[in-house]
Protein backbone atom coordinates (compact mmCIF):
# COMPACT_ATOMS: atom_id res chain seq x y z
CA MET A 1 -0.20 -0.10 -0.04
CA CYS A 2 3.13 2.22 0.55
CA ALA A 3 3.55 2.49 -3.36
CA ARG A 4 0.14 2.82 -4.16
CA ARG A 5 0.27 6.03 -1.83
CA GLN A 6 3.62 7.13 -3.19
CA GLU A 7 1.71 6.75 -7.33
CA LEU A 8 -1.26 9.07 -6.10
CA LEU A 9 -1.34 12.43 -7.56
CA PRO A 10 -3.29 15.67 -6.16
CA VAL A 11 -5.83 15.85 -9.06
CA CYS A 12 -9.44 14.31 -9.11
CA TYR A 13 -9.64 10.91 -9.49
CA PHE A 14 -12.30 8.75 -11.46
CA HIS A 15 -14.23 5.61 -11.44
CA LEU A 16 -15.17 3.75 -14.29
CA VAL A 17 -16.44 -0.12 -14.39
CA PHE A 18 -16.60 -1.81 -17.74
CA SER A 19 -19.08 -5.39 -18.13
CA VAL A 20 -19.95 -7.19 -21.09
CA PRO A 21 -23.81 -8.95 -22.00
CA HIS A 22 -24.64 -11.47 -20.22
CA ALA A 23 -24.64 -13.54 -23.08
CA LEU A 24 -21.19 -13.63 -23.04
CA VAL A 25 -20.96 -15.23 -20.00
CA PRO A 26 -20.98 -18.77 -20.34
CA LEU A 27 -18.04 -18.62 -23.25
CA ILE A 28 -16.07 -16.73 -20.83
CA TRP A 29 -15.80 -19.02 -17.95
CA GLN A 30 -15.16 -21.75 -20.12
CA ASN A 31 -11.90 -19.34 -21.43
CA LYS A 32 -10.96 -17.82 -18.44
CA ARG A 33 -7.20 -16.98 -19.14
CA HIS A 34 -8.00 -16.06 -22.28
CA LEU A 35 -11.18 -13.83 -22.02
CA PHE A 36 -10.51 -12.22 -18.82
CA GLY A 37 -7.26 -10.82 -20.60
CA LEU A 38 -9.40 -9.53 -23.56
CA LEU A 39 -11.49 -7.63 -20.87
CA PHE A 40 -9.08 -6.32 -19.68
CA ASP A 41 -7.13 -5.10 -22.69
CA ALA A 42 -9.79 -3.84 -24.69
CA SER A 43 -11.36 -1.76 -21.41
CA ALA A 44 -8.03 -0.60 -21.18
CA ALA A 45 -7.76 0.02 -25.19
CA THR A 46 -10.75 2.48 -24.60
CA LEU A 47 -10.08 4.14 -22.13
CA LEU A 48 -6.30 5.13 -24.26
CA GLU A 49 -7.86 5.97 -27.08
CA VAL A 50 -10.82 8.08 -26.17
CA ALA A 51 -8.82 10.13 -24.07
CA ALA A 52 -6.68 10.21 -26.59
CA ASP A 53 -8.93 11.89 -29.09
CA PRO A 54 -8.08 15.65 -29.00
CA ALA A 55 -11.89 16.01 -29.64
CA ARG A 56 -12.04 14.60 -26.21
CA LEU A 57 -9.52 14.97 -23.40
CA GLY A 58 -6.70 14.82 -26.33
CA ALA A 59 -4.26 13.60 -23.42
CA GLU A 60 -1.96 10.16 -22.58
CA ILE A 61 -3.53 9.03 -19.37
CA GLY A 62 -2.11 6.74 -17.16
CA PHE A 63 -4.74 4.10 -14.50
CA LEU A 64 -5.08 0.48 -12.99
CA SER A 65 -7.90 -1.49 -13.50
CA ILE A 66 -9.32 -4.33 -10.84
CA LEU A 67 -10.93 -7.73 -12.14
CA HIS A 68 -14.06 -8.54 -10.35
CA THR A 69 -16.10 -11.86 -11.16
CA TRP A 70 -18.93 -11.69 -9.12
CA GLY A 71 -22.11 -10.09 -8.61
CA GLN A 72 -23.54 -10.12 -4.73
CA THR A 73 -25.22 -12.92 -4.74
CA LEU A 74 -21.90 -14.63 -6.11
CA GLN A 75 -23.53 -15.43 -9.73
CA ARG A 76 -20.85 -14.38 -12.68
CA HIS A 77 -20.69 -11.31 -13.51
CA PRO A 78 -17.13 -10.17 -14.98
CA HIS A 79 -16.40 -6.35 -14.67
CA VAL A 80 -13.22 -4.44 -14.58
CA HIS A 81 -13.11 -1.54 -12.18
CA CYS A 82 -10.82 1.61 -13.24
CA VAL A 83 -9.60 4.07 -11.50
CA VAL A 84 -7.90 7.01 -13.23
CA PRO A 85 -6.44 10.41 -12.49
CA GLY A 86 -8.29 13.04 -14.25
CA GLY A 87 -6.07 14.31 -16.99
CA GLY A 88 -2.85 13.25 -18.96
CA LEU A 89 -0.19 13.92 -20.59
CA SER A 90 -0.05 16.46 -24.10
CA PRO A 91 1.27 14.05 -26.57
CA ASP A 92 4.15 15.78 -26.87
CA HIS A 93 4.31 15.42 -22.39
CA SER A 94 5.42 19.13 -22.45
CA ARG A 95 2.37 19.89 -20.00
CA TRP A 96 -0.69 18.24 -17.97
CA ILE A 97 -3.95 18.35 -19.48
CA PRO A 98 -6.78 18.55 -16.67
CA SER A 99 -9.87 17.03 -17.47
CA ALA A 100 -13.25 18.39 -15.69
CA PRO A 101 -14.01 18.36 -11.78
CA ARG A 102 -17.37 16.27 -12.49
CA PHE A 103 -16.71 14.42 -16.12
CA PHE A 104 -14.01 12.44 -17.26
CA LEU A 105 -14.68 10.82 -20.62
CA PRO A 106 -18.66 10.40 -22.30
CA VAL A 107 -20.04 6.85 -21.33
CA ARG A 108 -21.99 6.83 -24.66
CA VAL A 109 -18.70 6.57 -26.11
CA LEU A 110 -17.18 4.41 -24.22
CA SER A 111 -19.53 1.62 -24.38
CA ARG A 112 -19.49 1.46 -28.65
CA VAL A 113 -16.02 1.31 -29.22
CA PHE A 114 -15.32 -1.25 -25.78
CA ARG A 115 -17.64 -3.20 -27.50
CA GLY A 116 -16.22 -3.13 -30.53
CA LYS A 117 -12.68 -3.93 -29.64
CA PHE A 118 -13.86 -7.00 -27.11
CA VAL A 119 -15.68 -8.31 -30.31
CA ALA A 120 -13.07 -8.31 -32.61
CA GLY A 121 -10.79 -9.49 -29.68
CA LEU A 122 -13.27 -12.68 -29.83
CA ARG A 123 -13.31 -12.83 -34.12
CA ARG A 124 -9.13 -12.97 -34.05
CA ALA A 125 -9.56 -15.52 -30.66
CA PHE A 126 -12.35 -17.93 -33.00
CA GLN A 127 -9.73 -17.40 -36.02
CA ARG A 128 -6.40 -18.03 -34.49
CA LYS A 129 -8.59 -21.46 -32.27
CA GLN A 130 -7.75 -19.88 -29.31
CA LEU A 131 -11.07 -20.64 -27.83
CA VAL A 132 -12.69 -23.59 -26.49
CA PHE A 133 -17.04 -24.78 -26.58
CA PHE A 134 -18.13 -26.95 -24.30
CA GLY A 135 -21.58 -28.37 -23.24
CA PRO A 136 -24.04 -25.18 -24.23
CA CYS A 137 -21.30 -23.41 -26.10
CA GLN A 138 -21.06 -25.88 -28.33
CA PRO A 139 -22.69 -25.05 -31.50
CA LEU A 140 -20.53 -21.98 -31.31
CA ALA A 141 -17.23 -24.06 -32.37
CA ASN A 142 -18.86 -23.59 -35.68
CA GLU A 143 -17.96 -20.62 -38.18
CA LYS A 144 -21.10 -19.44 -39.10
CA ALA A 145 -22.77 -19.65 -35.82
CA PHE A 146 -19.82 -18.20 -34.09
CA ALA A 147 -20.53 -14.86 -36.99
CA ALA A 148 -24.27 -15.18 -35.87
CA PHE A 149 -23.55 -14.48 -32.54
CA LEU A 150 -21.02 -11.78 -32.60
CA ARG A 151 -23.42 -9.96 -34.74
CA THR A 152 -26.07 -10.37 -31.40
CA LEU A 153 -23.52 -8.98 -29.68
CA PHE A 154 -22.94 -5.66 -31.48
CA ARG A 155 -27.12 -5.46 -31.52
CA GLU A 156 -27.08 -5.02 -27.48
CA ASP A 157 -26.15 -1.94 -25.59
CA TRP A 158 -22.57 -2.51 -23.40
CA VAL A 159 -22.64 -1.08 -20.00
CA VAL A 160 -19.72 1.24 -19.13
CA TYR A 161 -20.31 2.92 -16.11
CA ALA A 162 -18.93 5.91 -14.30
CA LYS A 163 -19.67 6.07 -10.67
CA ALA A 164 -18.62 9.22 -8.50
CA PRO A 165 -15.61 10.60 -8.73
CA PHE A 166 -13.16 10.12 -5.55
CA GLY A 167 -13.42 13.00 -3.43
CA GLY A 168 -9.44 12.77 -3.30
CA PRO A 169 -6.13 11.43 -3.79
CA GLU A 170 -7.00 9.86 0.37
CA HIS A 171 -10.12 8.20 -1.06
CA VAL A 172 -8.58 6.70 -3.84
CA LEU A 173 -6.28 4.73 -1.05
CA GLN A 174 -8.73 3.55 1.00
CA TYR A 175 -10.53 2.29 -2.34
CA LEU A 176 -7.70 0.43 -2.88
CA ALA A 177 -7.19 -0.74 0.36
CA ARG A 178 -10.51 -2.12 0.89
CA TYR A 179 -11.08 -3.65 -2.27
CA THR A 180 -8.25 -4.89 -4.76
CA HIS A 181 -7.56 -7.75 -3.05
CA ARG A 182 -11.17 -8.99 -1.69
CA VAL A 183 -12.89 -11.98 -3.23
CA ALA A 184 -16.27 -12.98 -3.54
CA ILE A 185 -18.15 -12.51 -0.17
CA SER A 186 -16.65 -11.07 3.15
CA ASN A 187 -17.15 -12.46 5.93
CA HIS A 188 -19.07 -9.59 7.65
CA ARG A 189 -21.99 -10.83 4.81
CA LEU A 190 -22.44 -14.08 6.24
CA LEU A 191 -25.44 -14.29 9.28
CA SER A 192 -25.61 -17.88 9.83
CA VAL A 193 -24.13 -21.42 8.75
CA ASP A 194 -25.43 -24.45 9.80
CA GLY A 195 -24.94 -28.24 9.02
CA ASP A 196 -26.83 -27.76 5.58
CA HIS A 197 -27.30 -23.86 4.63
CA VAL A 198 -25.66 -20.53 4.44
CA THR A 199 -27.63 -17.62 4.74
CA PHE A 200 -25.99 -14.41 3.74
CA ARG A 201 -26.74 -9.76 2.96
CA TRP A 202 -26.96 -9.01 -0.18
CA LYS A 203 -27.51 -5.72 -1.95
CA ASP A 204 -30.25 -5.51 -4.99
CA TYR A 205 -29.58 -2.63 -6.64
CA ALA A 206 -32.57 -3.23 -8.83
CA HIS A 207 -34.55 -1.95 -5.78
CA HIS A 208 -32.39 1.31 -4.29
CA SER A 209 -29.75 -1.07 -3.10
CA THR A 210 -31.98 -2.66 -0.87
CA SER A 211 -30.55 -4.97 1.85
CA ARG A 212 -31.90 -8.71 1.41
CA ALA A 213 -30.49 -11.82 2.77
CA MET A 214 -30.36 -14.89 1.26
CA THR A 215 -30.28 -18.88 1.67
CA LEU A 216 -27.91 -21.24 -0.21
CA THR A 217 -27.25 -25.25 0.25
CA LEU A 218 -23.98 -25.37 1.17
CA GLU A 219 -23.26 -27.10 -2.03
CA GLU A 220 -24.89 -24.63 -4.05
CA PHE A 221 -23.00 -21.53 -1.96
CA LEU A 222 -19.50 -23.55 -2.31
CA ARG A 223 -20.27 -23.78 -6.22
CA ARG A 224 -21.04 -20.19 -6.68
CA PHE A 225 -18.22 -19.09 -4.28
CA LEU A 226 -15.26 -21.48 -6.19
CA GLN A 227 -16.47 -20.56 -9.63
CA HIS A 228 -14.76 -17.04 -9.54
CA VAL A 229 -11.65 -18.77 -8.68
CA LEU A 230 -9.11 -17.41 -11.17
CA PRO A 231 -6.90 -19.54 -12.84
CA LYS A 232 -3.00 -19.59 -12.00
CA GLY A 233 -0.90 -16.90 -12.21
CA LEU A 234 -3.74 -14.65 -13.73
CA PRO A 235 -3.14 -11.09 -11.82
CA ARG A 236 -6.67 -9.29 -10.91
CA ILE A 237 -4.66 -5.89 -11.04
CA ARG A 238 -3.12 -4.51 -13.60
CA TYR A 239 -1.91 -0.97 -15.05
CA PHE A 240 -1.86 0.62 -18.45
CA GLY A 241 -0.65 3.89 -20.10
CA TRP A 242 2.17 5.62 -18.22
CA LEU A 243 1.26 4.19 -14.95
CA ALA A 244 2.67 0.56 -17.27
CA ASN A 245 5.36 -0.73 -15.56
CA ARG A 246 7.56 -0.91 -18.28
CA ARG A 247 6.90 3.21 -18.24
CA ARG A 248 6.06 3.85 -15.03
CA ARG A 249 9.29 5.21 -13.44
CA GLU A 250 9.90 7.63 -16.19
CA LEU A 251 6.55 9.38 -16.76
CA LEU A 252 5.37 9.54 -13.01
CA PRO A 253 7.92 11.49 -12.05
CA LEU A 254 7.27 13.78 -15.73
CA CYS A 255 3.52 13.83 -14.10
CA ARG A 256 4.35 15.30 -10.73
CA ARG A 257 7.21 18.24 -12.29
CA LEU A 258 4.16 19.15 -14.28
CA LEU A 259 2.08 19.30 -11.66
CA ALA A 260 4.65 21.32 -9.57
CA VAL A 261 4.11 18.49 -6.78
CA ALA A 262 7.20 17.71 -4.33
CA PRO A 263 8.39 13.85 -4.87
CA PRO A 264 7.30 11.48 -2.54
CA LEU A 265 8.58 11.72 1.22
CA ALA A 266 10.37 8.38 1.89
CA GLU A 267 8.25 5.81 3.61
CA ALA A 268 10.20 5.20 6.25
CA LYS A 269 9.13 7.88 8.64
CA THR A 270 5.54 6.37 7.75
CA ASP A 271 6.14 3.43 8.59
CA ALA A 272 8.25 4.02 11.69
CA ALA A 273 5.12 4.63 13.30
CA ALA A 274 3.00 1.83 11.91
CA VAL A 275 1.27 0.56 15.92
CA TRP A 276 1.63 -2.77 14.09
CA GLN A 277 4.45 -5.25 12.79
CA CYS A 278 3.48 -8.10 10.37
CA PRO A 279 4.28 -11.31 12.81
CA ILE A 280 5.77 -12.94 9.50
CA CYS A 281 7.81 -10.48 7.74
CA GLY A 282 8.35 -7.84 10.34
CA SER A 283 6.75 -5.24 7.82
CA PRO A 284 4.34 -2.64 9.02
CA MET A 285 0.67 -3.09 9.31
CA HIS A 286 -1.74 0.12 8.91
CA VAL A 287 -5.67 -0.01 9.34
CA VAL A 288 -7.62 -0.16 6.35
CA GLU A 289 -10.98 -0.90 7.43
CA LEU A 290 -12.76 -0.89 10.42
CA LEU A 291 -15.54 -3.22 11.05
CA THR A 292 -18.61 -1.99 13.27
CA ALA A 293 -20.24 -4.47 15.59
CA ALA A 294 -23.32 -4.57 13.57
CA HIS A 295 -20.62 -6.45 10.87
CA MET A 296 -19.63 -8.99 12.95
CA GLN A 297 -22.34 -9.47 15.40
CA GLN A 298 -20.60 -9.04 18.38
CA GLU A 299 -21.12 -7.04 21.24
CA GLN A 300 -22.39 -3.14 20.58
CA GLY A 301 -19.40 -1.00 20.21
CA HIS A 302 -16.36 -3.41 19.78
CA GLN A 303 -14.74 -2.91 16.75
CA VAL A 304 -12.14 -5.53 14.78
CA TYR A 305 -9.46 -3.98 13.11
CA ILE A 306 -8.27 -5.03 9.23
CA LEU A 307 -4.81 -4.69 8.70
CA ASP A 308 -2.54 -4.37 5.83
CA SER A 309 1.22 -5.02 5.83
CA SER A 310 1.54 -4.57 2.04
């Protein structure tokens, strides 16, 4: 988390979410490694292309993307969260171009470009025989059937959602600490577990985020939970633009200079003030979330500290 703190700039940050139509989900789960990678690449290429358009922002941007594969009820819902600084470098890298404080890029344009790039990636993958087809997806192995399937995808509206901008860099850090390494369901959502069933809390976003309870058999709960295990070695967090690993060392300091921001102080002083140390690696640990009594179903007023040594 110290490394993430050093990467933040004193600008507004935007939060965008890219998701795919439900019809694609079975095929994605049969080709997780390739199509999760395509989800990252298509969404990133969309942001980079639209932001570079002189009619939009006209800047080279940098951002990080986080893959989530679940919905509130643990069903399959692949989507990518993108955390983007509000602005970017001019094409000649001579100045910082800021975005509007409450608007980054038009989501309708992002949706259409994202759809085109993802479908084009699917077509290439099919032509290169990089996809497998089983069960209900087996008919798609036929070239004409696959082409017809791609045409149906073009008739659908693809969802790119722009959430409210973060309040500032400190809110970005809180978000990253809380969500970058989360799993499909956290412990505080579990209401009860017995020998046969699991009951958990979920938000019904279709009805004003109403809190509801769902009870599943143990087998169904485990099936839903385990389907979100990613292929071995597949990273859930990736960096693009001037935050990409091969460019960050050169361009992140340039962004700071153009914004007239001093280089970040050494983290040693901050770490020395940490109260807790990891018993395994000895690194300082920081509070990233407080779970209240209501969350943990414990005595009122009791708090549980979640620590992070990353």
